[in-house]
C-alpha atoms as a PDB file:
ATOM      1  CA  MET A   1     195.531  93.959  45.930  1.00  0.00           C
ATOM      2  CA  PRO A   2     196.839  91.017  43.707  1.00  0.00           C
ATOM      3  CA  HIS A   3     195.362  87.962  44.453  1.00  0.00           C
ATOM      4  CA  LEU A   4     197.362  85.657  46.881  1.00  0.00           C
ATOM      5  CA  LEU A   5     195.892  82.108  46.260  1.00  0.00           C
ATOM      6  CA  ARG A   6     197.589  81.435  42.868  1.00  0.00           C
ATOM      7  CA  SER A   7     199.266  78.553  42.005  1.00  0.00           C
ATOM      8  CA  THR A   8     203.438  78.482  42.556  1.00  0.00           C
ATOM      9  CA  THR A   9     203.871  76.375  39.929  1.00  0.00           C
ATOM     10  CA  SER A  10     202.653  78.711  37.329  1.00  0.00           C
ATOM     11  CA  LEU A  11     204.173  77.888  33.562  1.00  0.00           C
ATOM     12  CA  ARG A  12     205.042  80.930  31.857  1.00  0.00           C
ATOM     13  CA  THR A  13     205.923  80.364  27.893  1.00  0.00           C
ATOM     14  CA  VAL A  14     209.099  82.332  26.912  1.00  0.00           C
ATOM     15  CA  PRO A  15     210.833  82.132  23.849  1.00  0.00           C
ATOM     16  CA  ARG A  16     214.246  81.573  23.771  1.00  0.00           C
ATOM     17  CA  PRO A  17     216.512  81.447  20.712  1.00  0.00           C
ATOM     18  CA  SER A  18     218.201  78.000  19.807  1.00  0.00           C
ATOM     19  CA  LYS A  19     221.594  77.776  18.452  1.00  0.00           C
ATOM     20  CA  SER A  20     220.743  74.842  16.656  1.00  0.00           C
ATOM     21  CA  SER A  21     217.570  75.998  14.771  1.00  0.00           C
ATOM     22  CA  PRO A  22     216.402  79.375  13.373  1.00  0.00           C
ATOM     23  CA  ASP A  23     212.468  77.735  13.900  1.00  0.00           C
ATOM     24  CA  SER A  24     212.682  76.937  17.682  1.00  0.00           C
ATOM     25  CA  ARG A  25     209.685  77.125  19.683  1.00  0.00           C
ATOM     26  CA  PRO A  26     208.938  78.894  22.630  1.00  0.00           C
ATOM     27  CA  GLN A  27     209.960  76.753  25.617  1.00  0.00           C
ATOM     28  CA  GLU A  28     207.852  76.363  28.602  1.00  0.00           C
ATOM     29  CA  VAL A  29     209.896  77.770  32.010  1.00  0.00           C
ATOM     30  CA  ARG A  30     209.270  77.530  35.702  1.00  0.00           C
ATOM     31  CA  ARG A  31     208.998  80.580  37.808  1.00  0.00           C
ATOM     32  CA  SER A  32     210.800  80.045  40.866  1.00  0.00           C
ATOM     33  CA  PRO A  33     208.264  80.638  43.905  1.00  0.00           C
ATOM     34  CA  GLU A  34     211.248  81.804  46.232  1.00  0.00           C
ATOM     35  CA  VAL A  35     211.352  85.274  43.970  1.00  0.00           C
ATOM     36  CA  ASP A  36     207.306  85.363  44.114  1.00  0.00           C
ATOM     37  CA  GLU A  37     207.092  88.490  45.531  1.00  0.00           C
ATOM     38  CA  ASP A  38     203.374  88.730  45.495  1.00  0.00           C
ATOM     39  CA  LEU A  39     203.439  85.540  47.837  1.00  0.00           C
ATOM     40  CA  GLU A  40     205.620  87.112  50.549  1.00  0.00           C
ATOM     41  CA  PRO A  41     202.566  88.366  52.354  1.00  0.00           C
ATOM     42  CA  LEU A  42     200.689  84.857  52.699  1.00  0.00           C
ATOM     43  CA  ARG A  43     204.067  83.538  53.372  1.00  0.00           C
ATOM     44  CA  LEU A  44     204.362  85.522  56.308  1.00  0.00           C
ATOM     45  CA  GLN A  45     201.042  84.407  57.704  1.00  0.00           C
ATOM     46  CA  VAL A  46     201.676  80.976  56.704  1.00  0.00           C
ATOM     47  CA  SER A  47     204.927  81.127  58.905  1.00  0.00           C
ATOM     48  CA  ALA A  48     203.289  82.416  61.928  1.00  0.00           C
ATOM     49  CA  ILE A  49     200.793  79.437  61.332  1.00  0.00           C
ATOM     50  CA  ILE A  50     203.367  76.850  61.088  1.00  0.00           C
ATOM     51  CA  ASP A  51     205.482  78.514  63.560  1.00  0.00           C
ATOM     52  CA  ALA A  52     202.584  78.508  66.452  1.00  0.00           C
ATOM     53  CA  ILE A  53     201.569  74.562  65.610  1.00  0.00           C
ATOM     54  CA  LEU A  54     205.236  73.527  65.830  1.00  0.00           C
ATOM     55  CA  SER A  55     205.977  75.766  68.956  1.00  0.00           C
ATOM     56  CA  ASP A  56     203.112  73.604  70.846  1.00  0.00           C
ATOM     57  CA  THR A  57     204.194  71.096  73.417  1.00  0.00           C
ATOM     58  CA  ARG A  58     201.405  69.130  74.116  1.00  0.00           C
ATOM     59  CA  PRO A  59     202.339  65.291  73.860  1.00  0.00           C
ATOM     60  CA  GLU A  60     198.982  64.137  72.522  1.00  0.00           C
ATOM     61  CA  GLU A  61     199.422  66.465  69.168  1.00  0.00           C
ATOM     62  CA  ALA A  62     203.193  65.202  68.263  1.00  0.00           C
ATOM     63  CA  PRO A  63     202.104  63.362  65.581  1.00  0.00           C
ATOM     64  CA  VAL A  64     200.481  66.126  63.895  1.00  0.00           C
ATOM     65  CA  ARG A  65     203.403  68.576  64.415  1.00  0.00           C
ATOM     66  CA  GLU A  66     205.576  65.260  62.964  1.00  0.00           C
ATOM     67  CA  LYS A  67     203.483  65.571  59.672  1.00  0.00           C
ATOM     68  CA  LEU A  68     203.771  69.192  59.574  1.00  0.00           C
ATOM     69  CA  ARG A  69     207.240  68.728  59.767  1.00  0.00           C
ATOM     70  CA  TRP A  70     207.756  66.267  56.892  1.00  0.00           C
ATOM     71  CA  HIS A  71     205.412  68.740  54.650  1.00  0.00           C
ATOM     72  CA  LEU A  72     207.818  71.528  55.217  1.00  0.00           C
ATOM     73  CA  ALA A  73     210.642  69.221  54.627  1.00  0.00           C
ATOM     74  CA  ASN A  74     209.216  68.072  51.108  1.00  0.00           C
ATOM     75  CA  CYS A  75     208.449  71.693  50.182  1.00  0.00           C
ATOM     76  CA  PRO A  76     211.777  73.664  50.895  1.00  0.00           C
ATOM     77  CA  GLY A  77     211.103  77.563  50.943  1.00  0.00           C
ATOM     78  CA  GLN A  78     207.346  77.322  50.090  1.00  0.00           C
ATOM     79  CA  PRO A  79     205.525  77.322  53.630  1.00  0.00           C
ATOM     80  CA  GLU A  80     202.365  77.933  52.127  1.00  0.00           C
ATOM     81  CA  LYS A  81     202.350  74.626  49.699  1.00  0.00           C
ATOM     82  CA  ALA A  82     203.737  72.443  52.699  1.00  0.00           C
ATOM     83  CA  LEU A  83     200.772  73.856  55.219  1.00  0.00           C
ATOM     84  CA  LEU A  84     198.277  73.230  52.190  1.00  0.00           C
ATOM     85  CA  ASN A  85     199.436  69.917  51.671  1.00  0.00           C
ATOM     86  CA  HIS A  86     199.297  68.939  55.525  1.00  0.00           C
ATOM     87  CA  LEU A  87     195.863  70.294  55.951  1.00  0.00           C
ATOM     88  CA  LEU A  88     194.673  68.290  52.917  1.00  0.00           C
ATOM     89  CA  SER A  89     196.305  64.912  54.206  1.00  0.00           C
ATOM     90  CA  VAL A  90     194.487  65.628  57.733  1.00  0.00           C
ATOM     91  CA  SER A  91     191.399  66.055  56.121  1.00  0.00           C
ATOM     92  CA  VAL A  92     191.680  62.993  53.949  1.00  0.00           C
ATOM     93  CA  GLU A  93     192.861  60.849  57.212  1.00  0.00           C
ATOM     94  CA  GLN A  94     189.573  62.448  59.038  1.00  0.00           C
ATOM     95  CA  GLU A  95     187.182  61.508  56.371  1.00  0.00           C
ATOM     96  CA  ALA A  96     188.643  57.789  56.446  1.00  0.00           C
ATOM     97  CA  SER A  97     188.002  57.418  59.615  1.00  0.00           C
END
């Protein structure tokens, strides 16, 4: 089974020919996280967790839902990153109080 908790921002060095120079160096290219099939099982699990949190209707949990929505908006197509950022921010807030 592949390791599912790897970084979604890994860099790959891919040689690209340059039209201007035959001595071109390899360039770093970001892999698009949306096409990483290894992350699909993790994204399905994370999406289910996020759906459960956002479907809660308790008024006292409204600030939590709002923060999670903010993280989702800032990580489009990467629910695992949004949930991780959300959990880290909640953890920092709890440690501060």
